[in-house]
Amino acid sequence: MTMLSARPGVPGTTTFGSGGAEPYAAALENESAVLYLRHATGRAAATMDAGRWSAAADDTDVQLLAGAAGPVLDIGCGPGRMVRAALAQGLAATGVDVSPTAVRIAAESGLTVLERSVFSAMPGEGDWGTALLLDGNIGIGGDIVALLGRCAELISSDGAVLVEVHPEAERDHAFDGTLEDAQGRTSAVFPWAEVGIGPLRARAGDAGLRVVQDWKSDGRWFARLVRT
Protein backbone atom coordinates (compact mmCIF):
# COMPACT_ATOMS: atom_id res chain seq x y z
CA MET A 1 0.00 0.00 0.00
CA THR A 2 1.40 3.40 -0.93
CA MET A 3 1.32 6.47 1.26
CA LEU A 4 -1.51 8.82 0.33
CA SER A 5 -0.89 12.45 -0.51
CA ALA A 6 -4.04 13.70 1.20
CA ARG A 7 -6.94 12.59 3.38
CA PRO A 8 -10.72 12.82 2.95
CA GLY A 9 -12.18 16.16 3.87
CA VAL A 10 -8.83 17.94 4.16
CA PRO A 11 -8.94 21.35 2.40
CA GLY A 12 -6.81 21.40 -0.72
CA THR A 13 -7.10 17.69 -1.37
CA THR A 14 -6.83 16.95 -5.08
CA THR A 15 -9.83 14.94 -6.22
CA PHE A 16 -10.46 12.37 -8.94
CA GLY A 17 -9.23 13.60 -12.32
CA SER A 18 -8.88 17.23 -11.29
CA GLY A 19 -5.91 19.54 -11.63
CA GLY A 20 -3.30 19.35 -14.34
CA ALA A 21 -4.90 19.21 -17.78
CA GLU A 22 -8.33 18.23 -16.32
CA PRO A 23 -8.91 15.03 -18.33
CA TYR A 24 -12.07 14.18 -16.36
CA ALA A 25 -13.71 17.49 -17.28
CA ALA A 26 -12.63 17.05 -20.89
CA ALA A 27 -14.17 13.57 -20.98
CA LEU A 28 -17.48 14.88 -19.65
CA GLU A 29 -17.45 17.42 -22.46
CA ASN A 30 -17.26 14.44 -24.87
CA GLU A 31 -13.68 15.15 -25.86
CA SER A 32 -12.54 11.62 -24.98
CA ALA A 33 -14.43 8.37 -24.42
CA VAL A 34 -11.71 6.50 -22.54
CA LEU A 35 -9.82 7.43 -19.40
CA TYR A 36 -6.86 5.62 -17.86
CA LEU A 37 -6.45 5.46 -14.10
CA ARG A 38 -2.77 5.06 -13.29
CA HIS A 39 -0.60 4.87 -10.23
CA ALA A 40 1.37 8.06 -9.75
CA THR A 41 4.44 6.02 -10.70
CA GLY A 42 2.87 5.50 -14.16
CA ARG A 43 1.80 1.87 -13.77
CA ALA A 44 -1.66 1.22 -15.25
CA ALA A 45 -4.47 0.53 -12.77
CA ALA A 46 -7.72 0.57 -14.77
CA THR A 47 -9.35 1.67 -18.00
CA MET A 48 -12.61 3.60 -17.63
CA ASP A 49 -15.40 4.14 -20.15
CA ALA A 50 -16.21 7.80 -19.57
CA GLY A 51 -18.98 7.70 -22.16
CA ARG A 52 -21.04 5.42 -19.92
CA TRP A 53 -21.17 8.07 -17.20
CA SER A 54 -22.92 10.49 -19.55
CA ALA A 55 -25.20 7.90 -21.17
CA ALA A 56 -28.60 6.81 -19.93
CA ALA A 57 -28.76 4.25 -17.13
CA ASP A 58 -28.55 0.67 -18.43
CA ASP A 59 -30.60 -2.32 -17.25
CA THR A 60 -28.13 -3.14 -14.48
CA ASP A 61 -28.31 0.42 -13.16
CA VAL A 62 -32.11 0.35 -13.20
CA GLN A 63 -32.29 -3.04 -11.49
CA LEU A 64 -29.93 -1.79 -8.80
CA LEU A 65 -32.52 0.80 -7.80
CA ALA A 66 -35.37 -1.71 -7.63
CA GLY A 67 -36.58 -1.72 -4.05
CA ALA A 68 -34.30 1.16 -3.05
CA ALA A 69 -35.73 3.61 -0.56
CA GLY A 70 -35.74 7.33 -1.13
CA PRO A 71 -34.43 9.86 -0.86
CA VAL A 72 -31.38 8.71 -2.83
CA LEU A 73 -27.98 10.39 -2.58
CA ASP A 74 -25.60 9.55 -5.46
CA ILE A 75 -22.05 10.20 -4.23
CA GLY A 76 -19.69 11.11 -7.06
CA CYS A 77 -22.68 11.42 -9.38
CA GLY A 78 -20.89 12.86 -12.41
CA PRO A 79 -23.38 14.16 -15.01
CA GLY A 80 -26.24 12.55 -13.08
CA ARG A 81 -26.97 9.22 -14.76
CA MET A 82 -28.16 7.53 -11.56
CA VAL A 83 -29.96 10.62 -10.26
CA ARG A 84 -32.03 10.65 -13.44
CA ALA A 85 -32.65 6.90 -13.17
CA ALA A 86 -33.84 7.22 -9.57
CA LEU A 87 -36.20 10.04 -10.48
CA ALA A 88 -37.62 7.90 -13.28
CA GLN A 89 -38.51 5.29 -10.65
CA GLY A 90 -40.36 7.84 -8.56
CA LEU A 91 -37.61 8.33 -5.99
CA ALA A 92 -36.48 11.69 -4.70
CA ALA A 93 -32.80 11.94 -5.65
CA THR A 94 -29.86 14.30 -5.31
CA GLY A 95 -26.30 13.98 -6.53
CA VAL A 96 -23.06 15.29 -5.08
CA ASP A 97 -19.81 15.77 -6.99
CA VAL A 98 -16.70 17.90 -6.62
CA SER A 99 -16.37 18.51 -10.36
CA PRO A 100 -17.78 21.89 -11.47
CA THR A 101 -18.13 20.51 -15.00
CA ALA A 102 -20.14 17.49 -13.87
CA VAL A 103 -22.39 19.64 -11.69
CA ARG A 104 -22.98 22.13 -14.50
CA ILE A 105 -23.91 19.39 -16.98
CA ALA A 106 -26.29 17.79 -14.49
CA ALA A 107 -27.88 21.11 -13.56
CA GLU A 108 -28.37 22.03 -17.21
CA SER A 109 -30.43 18.86 -17.61
CA GLY A 110 -32.63 19.83 -14.67
CA LEU A 111 -31.11 17.60 -11.98
CA THR A 112 -30.40 18.57 -8.38
CA VAL A 113 -26.67 18.14 -7.84
CA LEU A 114 -24.48 19.70 -5.14
CA GLU A 115 -20.93 20.83 -5.86
CA ARG A 116 -19.06 19.73 -2.78
CA SER A 117 -17.21 16.89 -1.11
CA VAL A 118 -19.30 14.21 0.56
CA PHE A 119 -17.22 14.93 3.67
CA SER A 120 -18.61 18.47 3.78
CA ALA A 121 -21.88 19.37 5.48
CA MET A 122 -24.80 17.82 3.59
CA PRO A 123 -28.55 18.46 3.68
CA GLY A 124 -30.64 15.73 5.27
CA GLU A 125 -27.81 14.17 7.24
CA GLY A 126 -29.11 10.99 8.87
CA ASP A 127 -32.24 10.92 6.71
CA TRP A 128 -31.11 9.53 3.33
CA GLY A 129 -32.82 6.26 2.45
CA THR A 130 -30.11 5.12 0.04
CA ALA A 131 -26.54 6.26 -0.62
CA LEU A 132 -24.91 5.16 -3.87
CA LEU A 133 -21.18 4.49 -4.36
CA LEU A 134 -20.97 3.22 -7.93
CA ASP A 135 -18.51 3.31 -10.84
CA GLY A 136 -15.50 2.98 -8.57
CA ASN A 137 -16.57 5.74 -6.20
CA ILE A 138 -15.87 3.54 -3.18
CA GLY A 139 -12.32 4.75 -3.85
CA ILE A 140 -13.07 8.43 -3.14
CA GLY A 141 -10.45 9.89 -0.82
CA GLY A 142 -8.36 6.71 -0.71
CA ASP A 143 -9.75 5.68 2.70
CA ILE A 144 -12.50 3.04 2.53
CA VAL A 145 -13.37 3.13 6.23
CA ALA A 146 -13.59 6.93 6.33
CA LEU A 147 -15.90 7.00 3.31
CA LEU A 148 -18.14 4.20 4.58
CA GLY A 149 -18.25 5.85 7.99
CA ARG A 150 -19.39 9.06 6.37
CA CYS A 151 -22.12 7.15 4.52
CA ALA A 152 -23.24 5.62 7.82
CA GLU A 153 -23.72 9.15 9.15
CA LEU A 154 -25.74 10.18 6.11
CA ILE A 155 -28.26 7.33 5.85
CA SER A 156 -31.31 6.87 8.06
CA SER A 157 -31.47 4.16 10.74
CA ASP A 158 -33.13 1.82 8.23
CA GLY A 159 -31.28 3.15 5.18
CA ALA A 160 -28.75 1.36 2.99
CA VAL A 161 -25.51 2.01 1.13
CA LEU A 162 -25.26 0.40 -2.32
CA VAL A 163 -21.62 -0.12 -3.28
CA GLU A 164 -20.04 -1.31 -6.51
CA VAL A 165 -16.92 -3.25 -5.58
CA HIS A 166 -13.89 -4.33 -7.58
CA PRO A 167 -14.42 -7.47 -9.72
CA GLU A 168 -11.48 -9.13 -7.93
CA ALA A 169 -12.99 -10.39 -4.67
CA GLU A 170 -9.87 -9.86 -2.53
CA ARG A 171 -8.70 -6.59 -4.10
CA ASP A 172 -7.57 -4.18 -1.36
CA HIS A 173 -5.37 -1.37 -2.57
CA ALA A 174 -5.02 2.32 -1.74
CA PHE A 175 -2.71 4.44 -3.83
CA ASP A 176 -1.85 7.85 -5.21
CA GLY A 177 -3.21 7.97 -8.74
CA THR A 178 -3.52 10.12 -11.82
CA LEU A 179 -6.07 10.14 -14.63
CA GLU A 180 -5.05 10.34 -18.28
CA ASP A 181 -7.02 10.43 -21.53
CA ALA A 182 -6.21 9.22 -25.03
CA GLN A 183 -4.81 12.64 -25.91
CA GLY A 184 -2.26 12.40 -23.11
CA ARG A 185 -3.90 14.98 -20.85
CA THR A 186 -3.04 14.10 -17.25
CA SER A 187 -4.58 15.16 -13.94
CA ALA A 188 -2.85 16.08 -10.72
CA VAL A 189 -2.15 13.27 -8.26
CA PHE A 190 -5.10 12.25 -6.05
CA PRO A 191 -5.71 9.60 -3.38
CA TRP A 192 -7.78 6.61 -4.52
CA ALA A 193 -8.63 3.06 -3.45
CA GLU A 194 -9.98 -0.18 -4.88
CA VAL A 195 -11.71 -2.85 -2.79
CA GLY A 196 -13.32 -6.23 -3.45
CA ILE A 197 -16.13 -7.86 -1.53
CA GLY A 198 -13.84 -9.70 0.92
CA PRO A 199 -12.02 -6.65 2.33
CA LEU A 200 -15.24 -4.63 2.13
CA ARG A 201 -16.90 -7.05 4.56
CA ALA A 202 -13.94 -6.68 6.92
CA ARG A 203 -13.84 -2.89 6.70
CA ALA A 204 -17.58 -2.30 6.98
CA GLY A 205 -17.70 -3.08 10.69
CA ASP A 206 -15.09 -0.41 11.45
CA ALA A 207 -17.42 2.07 9.74
CA GLY A 208 -20.55 1.05 11.64
CA LEU A 209 -21.98 -0.91 8.72
CA ARG A 210 -22.40 -4.54 7.68
CA VAL A 211 -22.81 -6.23 4.31
CA VAL A 212 -26.21 -7.93 4.12
CA GLN A 213 -26.22 -8.85 0.43
CA ASP A 214 -23.89 -9.01 -2.55
CA TRP A 215 -24.52 -10.00 -6.15
CA LYS A 216 -23.10 -9.88 -9.67
CA SER A 217 -24.82 -8.45 -12.72
CA ASP A 218 -23.45 -7.93 -16.22
CA GLY A 219 -19.86 -8.31 -15.07
CA ARG A 220 -20.27 -5.88 -12.17
CA TRP A 221 -20.29 -6.73 -8.45
CA PHE A 222 -22.47 -4.94 -5.91
CA ALA A 223 -23.06 -5.01 -2.17
CA ARG A 224 -25.80 -3.68 0.09
CA LEU A 225 -24.71 -2.37 3.47
CA VAL A 226 -26.84 -1.31 6.45
CA ARG A 227 -26.05 0.10 9.86
CA THR A 228 -24.88 -2.34 12.51
C-alpha atoms as a PDB file:
ATOM      1  CA  MET A   1       0.000   0.000   0.000  1.00  0.00           C
ATOM      2  CA  THR A   2       1.403   3.401  -0.928  1.00  0.00           C
ATOM      3  CA  MET A   3       1.315   6.474   1.262  1.00  0.00           C
ATOM      4  CA  LEU A   4      -1.507   8.818   0.329  1.00  0.00           C
ATOM      5  CA  SER A   5      -0.890  12.445  -0.510  1.00  0.00           C
ATOM      6  CA  ALA A   6      -4.045  13.700   1.204  1.00  0.00           C
ATOM      7  CA  ARG A   7      -6.938  12.591   3.378  1.00  0.00           C
ATOM      8  CA  PRO A   8     -10.716  12.818   2.954  1.00  0.00           C
ATOM      9  CA  GLY A   9     -12.181  16.158   3.873  1.00  0.00           C
ATOM     10  CA  VAL A  10      -8.832  17.941   4.156  1.00  0.00           C
ATOM     11  CA  PRO A  11      -8.943  21.353   2.403  1.00  0.00           C
ATOM     12  CA  GLY A  12      -6.810  21.405  -0.717  1.00  0.00           C
ATOM     13  CA  THR A  13      -7.104  17.686  -1.372  1.00  0.00           C
ATOM     14  CA  THR A  14      -6.829  16.951  -5.083  1.00  0.00           C
ATOM     15  CA  THR A  15      -9.835  14.941  -6.221  1.00  0.00           C
ATOM     16  CA  PHE A  16     -10.460  12.367  -8.938  1.00  0.00           C
ATOM     17  CA  GLY A  17      -9.229  13.599 -12.323  1.00  0.00           C
ATOM     18  CA  SER A  18      -8.882  17.229 -11.289  1.00  0.00           C
ATOM     19  CA  GLY A  19      -5.906  19.539 -11.628  1.00  0.00           C
ATOM     20  CA  GLY A  20      -3.301  19.351 -14.344  1.00  0.00           C
ATOM     21  CA  ALA A  21      -4.902  19.208 -17.783  1.00  0.00           C
ATOM     22  CA  GLU A  22      -8.327  18.228 -16.320  1.00  0.00           C
ATOM     23  CA  PRO A  23      -8.912  15.027 -18.332  1.00  0.00           C
ATOM     24  CA  TYR A  24     -12.074  14.181 -16.359  1.00  0.00           C
ATOM     25  CA  ALA A  25     -13.708  17.492 -17.276  1.00  0.00           C
ATOM     26  CA  ALA A  26     -12.633  17.054 -20.895  1.00  0.00           C
ATOM     27  CA  ALA A  27     -14.168  13.569 -20.981  1.00  0.00           C
ATOM     28  CA  LEU A  28     -17.475  14.879 -19.647  1.00  0.00           C
ATOM     29  CA  GLU A  29     -17.451  17.419 -22.464  1.00  0.00           C
ATOM     30  CA  ASN A  30     -17.262  14.441 -24.870  1.00  0.00           C
ATOM     31  CA  GLU A  31     -13.677  15.153 -25.864  1.00  0.00           C
ATOM     32  CA  SER A  32     -12.540  11.622 -24.983  1.00  0.00           C
ATOM     33  CA  ALA A  33     -14.434   8.369 -24.423  1.00  0.00           C
ATOM     34  CA  VAL A  34     -11.710   6.496 -22.545  1.00  0.00           C
ATOM     35  CA  LEU A  35      -9.815   7.427 -19.398  1.00  0.00           C
ATOM     36  CA  TYR A  36      -6.857   5.617 -17.858  1.00  0.00           C
ATOM     37  CA  LEU A  37      -6.454   5.462 -14.099  1.00  0.00           C
ATOM     38  CA  ARG A  38      -2.768   5.064 -13.294  1.00  0.00           C
ATOM     39  CA  HIS A  39      -0.601   4.869 -10.231  1.00  0.00           C
ATOM     40  CA  ALA A  40       1.368   8.062  -9.745  1.00  0.00           C
ATOM     41  CA  THR A  41       4.436   6.023 -10.696  1.00  0.00           C
ATOM     42  CA  GLY A  42       2.867   5.497 -14.160  1.00  0.00           C
ATOM     43  CA  ARG A  43       1.801   1.865 -13.769  1.00  0.00           C
ATOM     44  CA  ALA A  44      -1.656   1.221 -15.249  1.00  0.00           C
ATOM     45  CA  ALA A  45      -4.465   0.527 -12.769  1.00  0.00           C
ATOM     46  CA  ALA A  46      -7.721   0.574 -14.766  1.00  0.00           C
ATOM     47  CA  THR A  47      -9.352   1.670 -18.000  1.00  0.00           C
ATOM     48  CA  MET A  48     -12.607   3.597 -17.631  1.00  0.00           C
ATOM     49  CA  ASP A  49     -15.401   4.138 -20.145  1.00  0.00           C
ATOM     50  CA  ALA A  50     -16.208   7.803 -19.573  1.00  0.00           C
ATOM     51  CA  GLY A  51     -18.976   7.700 -22.164  1.00  0.00           C
ATOM     52  CA  ARG A  52     -21.039   5.422 -19.918  1.00  0.00           C
ATOM     53  CA  TRP A  53     -21.171   8.068 -17.199  1.00  0.00           C
ATOM     54  CA  SER A  54     -22.917  10.493 -19.548  1.00  0.00           C
ATOM     55  CA  ALA A  55     -25.200   7.897 -21.169  1.00  0.00           C
ATOM     56  CA  ALA A  56     -28.601   6.805 -19.930  1.00  0.00           C
ATOM     57  CA  ALA A  57     -28.759   4.250 -17.134  1.00  0.00           C
ATOM     58  CA  ASP A  58     -28.551   0.671 -18.432  1.00  0.00           C
ATOM     59  CA  ASP A  59     -30.601  -2.315 -17.255  1.00  0.00           C
ATOM     60  CA  THR A  60     -28.130  -3.139 -14.482  1.00  0.00           C
ATOM     61  CA  ASP A  61     -28.312   0.416 -13.161  1.00  0.00           C
ATOM     62  CA  VAL A  62     -32.108   0.350 -13.198  1.00  0.00           C
ATOM     63  CA  GLN A  63     -32.289  -3.043 -11.487  1.00  0.00           C
ATOM     64  CA  LEU A  64     -29.927  -1.790  -8.800  1.00  0.00           C
ATOM     65  CA  LEU A  65     -32.522   0.796  -7.797  1.00  0.00           C
ATOM     66  CA  ALA A  66     -35.373  -1.711  -7.629  1.00  0.00           C
ATOM     67  CA  GLY A  67     -36.575  -1.720  -4.047  1.00  0.00           C
ATOM     68  CA  ALA A  68     -34.299   1.156  -3.053  1.00  0.00           C
ATOM     69  CA  ALA A  69     -35.734   3.605  -0.557  1.00  0.00           C
ATOM     70  CA  GLY A  70     -35.736   7.334  -1.134  1.00  0.00           C
ATOM     71  CA  PRO A  71     -34.426   9.860  -0.862  1.00  0.00           C
ATOM     72  CA  VAL A  72     -31.379   8.714  -2.829  1.00  0.00           C
ATOM     73  CA  LEU A  73     -27.978  10.386  -2.584  1.00  0.00           C
ATOM     74  CA  ASP A  74     -25.596   9.553  -5.456  1.00  0.00           C
ATOM     75  CA  ILE A  75     -22.050  10.199  -4.230  1.00  0.00           C
ATOM     76  CA  GLY A  76     -19.692  11.114  -7.063  1.00  0.00           C
ATOM     77  CA  CYS A  77     -22.678  11.423  -9.380  1.00  0.00           C
ATOM     78  CA  GLY A  78     -20.891  12.865 -12.411  1.00  0.00           C
ATOM     79  CA  PRO A  79     -23.378  14.165 -15.013  1.00  0.00           C
ATOM     80  CA  GLY A  80     -26.236  12.551 -13.082  1.00  0.00           C
ATOM     81  CA  ARG A  81     -26.968   9.217 -14.764  1.00  0.00           C
ATOM     82  CA  MET A  82     -28.157   7.535 -11.559  1.00  0.00           C
ATOM     83  CA  VAL A  83     -29.961  10.620 -10.256  1.00  0.00           C
ATOM     84  CA  ARG A  84     -32.030  10.652 -13.436  1.00  0.00           C
ATOM     85  CA  ALA A  85     -32.645   6.899 -13.172  1.00  0.00           C
ATOM     86  CA  ALA A  86     -33.837   7.218  -9.572  1.00  0.00           C
ATOM     87  CA  LEU A  87     -36.204  10.043 -10.478  1.00  0.00           C
ATOM     88  CA  ALA A  88     -37.619   7.895 -13.284  1.00  0.00           C
ATOM     89  CA  GLN A  89     -38.505   5.290 -10.653  1.00  0.00           C
ATOM     90  CA  GLY A  90     -40.363   7.842  -8.563  1.00  0.00           C
ATOM     91  CA  LEU A  91     -37.613   8.325  -5.990  1.00  0.00           C
ATOM     92  CA  ALA A  92     -36.481  11.695  -4.697  1.00  0.00           C
ATOM     93  CA  ALA A  93     -32.805  11.938  -5.652  1.00  0.00           C
ATOM     94  CA  THR A  94     -29.856  14.298  -5.311  1.00  0.00           C
ATOM     95  CA  GLY A  95     -26.296  13.984  -6.529  1.00  0.00           C
ATOM     96  CA  VAL A  96     -23.055  15.294  -5.084  1.00  0.00           C
ATOM     97  CA  ASP A  97     -19.809  15.771  -6.994  1.00  0.00           C
ATOM     98  CA  VAL A  98     -16.695  17.902  -6.615  1.00  0.00           C
ATOM     99  CA  SER A  99     -16.367  18.508 -10.362  1.00  0.00           C
ATOM    100  CA  PRO A 100     -17.783  21.887 -11.469  1.00  0.00           C
ATOM    101  CA  THR A 101     -18.129  20.513 -15.005  1.00  0.00           C
ATOM    102  CA  ALA A 102     -20.136  17.489 -13.865  1.00  0.00           C
ATOM    103  CA  VAL A 103     -22.390  19.637 -11.687  1.00  0.00           C
ATOM    104  CA  ARG A 104     -22.976  22.128 -14.504  1.00  0.00           C
ATOM    105  CA  ILE A 105     -23.909  19.394 -16.984  1.00  0.00           C
ATOM    106  CA  ALA A 106     -26.286  17.791 -14.492  1.00  0.00           C
ATOM    107  CA  ALA A 107     -27.878  21.108 -13.560  1.00  0.00           C
ATOM    108  CA  GLU A 108     -28.365  22.033 -17.206  1.00  0.00           C
ATOM    109  CA  SER A 109     -30.429  18.862 -17.609  1.00  0.00           C
ATOM    110  CA  GLY A 110     -32.630  19.829 -14.672  1.00  0.00           C
ATOM    111  CA  LEU A 111     -31.113  17.599 -11.981  1.00  0.00           C
ATOM    112  CA  THR A 112     -30.395  18.569  -8.382  1.00  0.00           C
ATOM    113  CA  VAL A 113     -26.668  18.137  -7.837  1.00  0.00           C
ATOM    114  CA  LEU A 114     -24.482  19.696  -5.138  1.00  0.00           C
ATOM    115  CA  GLU A 115     -20.930  20.829  -5.864  1.00  0.00           C
ATOM    116  CA  ARG A 116     -19.057  19.732  -2.775  1.00  0.00           C
ATOM    117  CA  SER A 117     -17.207  16.888  -1.106  1.00  0.00           C
ATOM    118  CA  VAL A 118     -19.301  14.208   0.559  1.00  0.00           C
ATOM    119  CA  PHE A 119     -17.223  14.930   3.671  1.00  0.00           C
ATOM    120  CA  SER A 120     -18.608  18.472   3.782  1.00  0.00           C
ATOM    121  CA  ALA A 121     -21.884  19.369   5.476  1.00  0.00           C
ATOM    122  CA  MET A 122     -24.801  17.822   3.593  1.00  0.00           C
ATOM    123  CA  PRO A 123     -28.546  18.459   3.684  1.00  0.00           C
ATOM    124  CA  GLY A 124     -30.636  15.729   5.275  1.00  0.00           C
ATOM    125  CA  GLU A 125     -27.805  14.166   7.241  1.00  0.00           C
ATOM    126  CA  GLY A 126     -29.105  10.993   8.868  1.00  0.00           C
ATOM    127  CA  ASP A 127     -32.236  10.920   6.705  1.00  0.00           C
ATOM    128  CA  TRP A 128     -31.109   9.526   3.331  1.00  0.00           C
ATOM    129  CA  GLY A 129     -32.822   6.261   2.449  1.00  0.00           C
ATOM    130  CA  THR A 130     -30.114   5.125   0.040  1.00  0.00           C
ATOM    131  CA  ALA A 131     -26.544   6.255  -0.622  1.00  0.00           C
ATOM    132  CA  LEU A 132     -24.906   5.159  -3.869  1.00  0.00           C
ATOM    133  CA  LEU A 133     -21.180   4.494  -4.359  1.00  0.00           C
ATOM    134  CA  LEU A 134     -20.971   3.223  -7.931  1.00  0.00           C
ATOM    135  CA  ASP A 135     -18.506   3.312 -10.842  1.00  0.00           C
ATOM    136  CA  GLY A 136     -15.496   2.977  -8.566  1.00  0.00           C
ATOM    137  CA  ASN A 137     -16.567   5.743  -6.199  1.00  0.00           C
ATOM    138  CA  ILE A 138     -15.870   3.539  -3.180  1.00  0.00           C
ATOM    139  CA  GLY A 139     -12.316   4.752  -3.849  1.00  0.00           C
ATOM    140  CA  ILE A 140     -13.067   8.427  -3.139  1.00  0.00           C
ATOM    141  CA  GLY A 141     -10.447   9.888  -0.817  1.00  0.00           C
ATOM    142  CA  GLY A 142      -8.360   6.714  -0.705  1.00  0.00           C
ATOM    143  CA  ASP A 143      -9.748   5.676   2.703  1.00  0.00           C
ATOM    144  CA  ILE A 144     -12.498   3.040   2.525  1.00  0.00           C
ATOM    145  CA  VAL A 145     -13.368   3.131   6.235  1.00  0.00           C
ATOM    146  CA  ALA A 146     -13.589   6.925   6.329  1.00  0.00           C
ATOM    147  CA  LEU A 147     -15.900   6.999   3.308  1.00  0.00           C
ATOM    148  CA  LEU A 148     -18.139   4.198   4.580  1.00  0.00           C
ATOM    149  CA  GLY A 149     -18.247   5.845   7.991  1.00  0.00           C
ATOM    150  CA  ARG A 150     -19.388   9.060   6.372  1.00  0.00           C
ATOM    151  CA  CYS A 151     -22.122   7.147   4.522  1.00  0.00           C
ATOM    152  CA  ALA A 152     -23.245   5.619   7.822  1.00  0.00           C
ATOM    153  CA  GLU A 153     -23.718   9.148   9.147  1.00  0.00           C
ATOM    154  CA  LEU A 154     -25.743  10.180   6.114  1.00  0.00           C
ATOM    155  CA  ILE A 155     -28.256   7.326   5.848  1.00  0.00           C
ATOM    156  CA  SER A 156     -31.307   6.867   8.056  1.00  0.00           C
ATOM    157  CA  SER A 157     -31.473   4.161  10.737  1.00  0.00           C
ATOM    158  CA  ASP A 158     -33.126   1.816   8.226  1.00  0.00           C
ATOM    159  CA  GLY A 159     -31.276   3.149   5.176  1.00  0.00           C
ATOM    160  CA  ALA A 160     -28.752   1.355   2.987  1.00  0.00           C
ATOM    161  CA  VAL A 161     -25.511   2.010   1.127  1.00  0.00           C
ATOM    162  CA  LEU A 162     -25.260   0.404  -2.320  1.00  0.00           C
ATOM    163  CA  VAL A 163     -21.623  -0.119  -3.281  1.00  0.00           C
ATOM    164  CA  GLU A 164     -20.043  -1.308  -6.513  1.00  0.00           C
ATOM    165  CA  VAL A 165     -16.917  -3.248  -5.577  1.00  0.00           C
ATOM    166  CA  HIS A 166     -13.889  -4.332  -7.585  1.00  0.00           C
ATOM    167  CA  PRO A 167     -14.416  -7.467  -9.718  1.00  0.00           C
ATOM    168  CA  GLU A 168     -11.481  -9.126  -7.925  1.00  0.00           C
ATOM    169  CA  ALA A 169     -12.993 -10.389  -4.673  1.00  0.00           C
ATOM    170  CA  GLU A 170      -9.866  -9.855  -2.534  1.00  0.00           C
ATOM    171  CA  ARG A 171      -8.702  -6.594  -4.096  1.00  0.00           C
ATOM    172  CA  ASP A 172      -7.568  -4.181  -1.358  1.00  0.00           C
ATOM    173  CA  HIS A 173      -5.372  -1.373  -2.573  1.00  0.00           C
ATOM    174  CA  ALA A 174      -5.022   2.318  -1.736  1.00  0.00           C
ATOM    175  CA  PHE A 175      -2.709   4.444  -3.830  1.00  0.00           C
ATOM    176  CA  ASP A 176      -1.849   7.845  -5.210  1.00  0.00           C
ATOM    177  CA  GLY A 177      -3.205   7.969  -8.744  1.00  0.00           C
ATOM    178  CA  THR A 178      -3.525  10.119 -11.816  1.00  0.00           C
ATOM    179  CA  LEU A 179      -6.068  10.141 -14.627  1.00  0.00           C
ATOM    180  CA  GLU A 180      -5.053  10.335 -18.282  1.00  0.00           C
ATOM    181  CA  ASP A 181      -7.022  10.429 -21.534  1.00  0.00           C
ATOM    182  CA  ALA A 182      -6.205   9.221 -25.032  1.00  0.00           C
ATOM    183  CA  GLN A 183      -4.810  12.644 -25.914  1.00  0.00           C
ATOM    184  CA  GLY A 184      -2.263  12.399 -23.112  1.00  0.00           C
ATOM    185  CA  ARG A 185      -3.904  14.981 -20.846  1.00  0.00           C
ATOM    186  CA  THR A 186      -3.038  14.102 -17.248  1.00  0.00           C
ATOM    187  CA  SER A 187      -4.580  15.164 -13.944  1.00  0.00           C
ATOM    188  CA  ALA A 188      -2.854  16.084 -10.717  1.00  0.00           C
ATOM    189  CA  VAL A 189      -2.152  13.267  -8.258  1.00  0.00           C
ATOM    190  CA  PHE A 190      -5.098  12.255  -6.055  1.00  0.00           C
ATOM    191  CA  PRO A 191      -5.711   9.603  -3.375  1.00  0.00           C
ATOM    192  CA  TRP A 192      -7.776   6.612  -4.519  1.00  0.00           C
ATOM    193  CA  ALA A 193      -8.625   3.059  -3.455  1.00  0.00           C
ATOM    194  CA  GLU A 194      -9.985  -0.180  -4.876  1.00  0.00           C
ATOM    195  CA  VAL A 195     -11.706  -2.853  -2.793  1.00  0.00           C
ATOM    196  CA  GLY A 196     -13.317  -6.227  -3.447  1.00  0.00           C
ATOM    197  CA  ILE A 197     -16.131  -7.857  -1.527  1.00  0.00           C
ATOM    198  CA  GLY A 198     -13.841  -9.697   0.922  1.00  0.00           C
ATOM    199  CA  PRO A 199     -12.019  -6.655   2.325  1.00  0.00           C
ATOM    200  CA  LEU A 200     -15.238  -4.628   2.128  1.00  0.00           C
ATOM    201  CA  ARG A 201     -16.898  -7.045   4.561  1.00  0.00           C
ATOM    202  CA  ALA A 202     -13.940  -6.683   6.918  1.00  0.00           C
ATOM    203  CA  ARG A 203     -13.835  -2.890   6.700  1.00  0.00           C
ATOM    204  CA  ALA A 204     -17.584  -2.297   6.980  1.00  0.00           C
ATOM    205  CA  GLY A 205     -17.696  -3.081  10.694  1.00  0.00           C
ATOM    206  CA  ASP A 206     -15.089  -0.415  11.453  1.00  0.00           C
ATOM    207  CA  ALA A 207     -17.415   2.075   9.737  1.00  0.00           C
ATOM    208  CA  GLY A 208     -20.547   1.045  11.635  1.00  0.00           C
ATOM    209  CA  LEU A 209     -21.979  -0.911   8.717  1.00  0.00           C
ATOM    210  CA  ARG A 210     -22.396  -4.540   7.679  1.00  0.00           C
ATOM    211  CA  VAL A 211     -22.814  -6.229   4.309  1.00  0.00           C
ATOM    212  CA  VAL A 212     -26.213  -7.928   4.123  1.00  0.00           C
ATOM    213  CA  GLN A 213     -26.216  -8.848   0.429  1.00  0.00           C
ATOM    214  CA  ASP A 214     -23.888  -9.013  -2.550  1.00  0.00           C
ATOM    215  CA  TRP A 215     -24.520  -9.997  -6.151  1.00  0.00           C
ATOM    216  CA  LYS A 216     -23.103  -9.876  -9.667  1.00  0.00           C
ATOM    217  CA  SER A 217     -24.821  -8.448 -12.723  1.00  0.00           C
ATOM    218  CA  ASP A 218     -23.447  -7.927 -16.223  1.00  0.00           C
ATOM    219  CA  GLY A 219     -19.860  -8.311 -15.067  1.00  0.00           C
ATOM    220  CA  ARG A 220     -20.273  -5.876 -12.168  1.00  0.00           C
ATOM    221  CA  TRP A 221     -20.292  -6.731  -8.451  1.00  0.00           C
ATOM    222  CA  PHE A 222     -22.471  -4.941  -5.915  1.00  0.00           C
ATOM    223  CA  ALA A 223     -23.063  -5.006  -2.173  1.00  0.00           C
ATOM    224  CA  ARG A 224     -25.803  -3.680   0.093  1.00  0.00           C
ATOM    225  CA  LEU A 225     -24.713  -2.369   3.474  1.00  0.00           C
ATOM    226  CA  VAL A 226     -26.839  -1.309   6.449  1.00  0.00           C
ATOM    227  CA  ARG A 227     -26.051   0.098   9.858  1.00  0.00           C
ATOM    228  CA  THR A 228     -24.875  -2.338  12.513  1.00  0.00           C
END
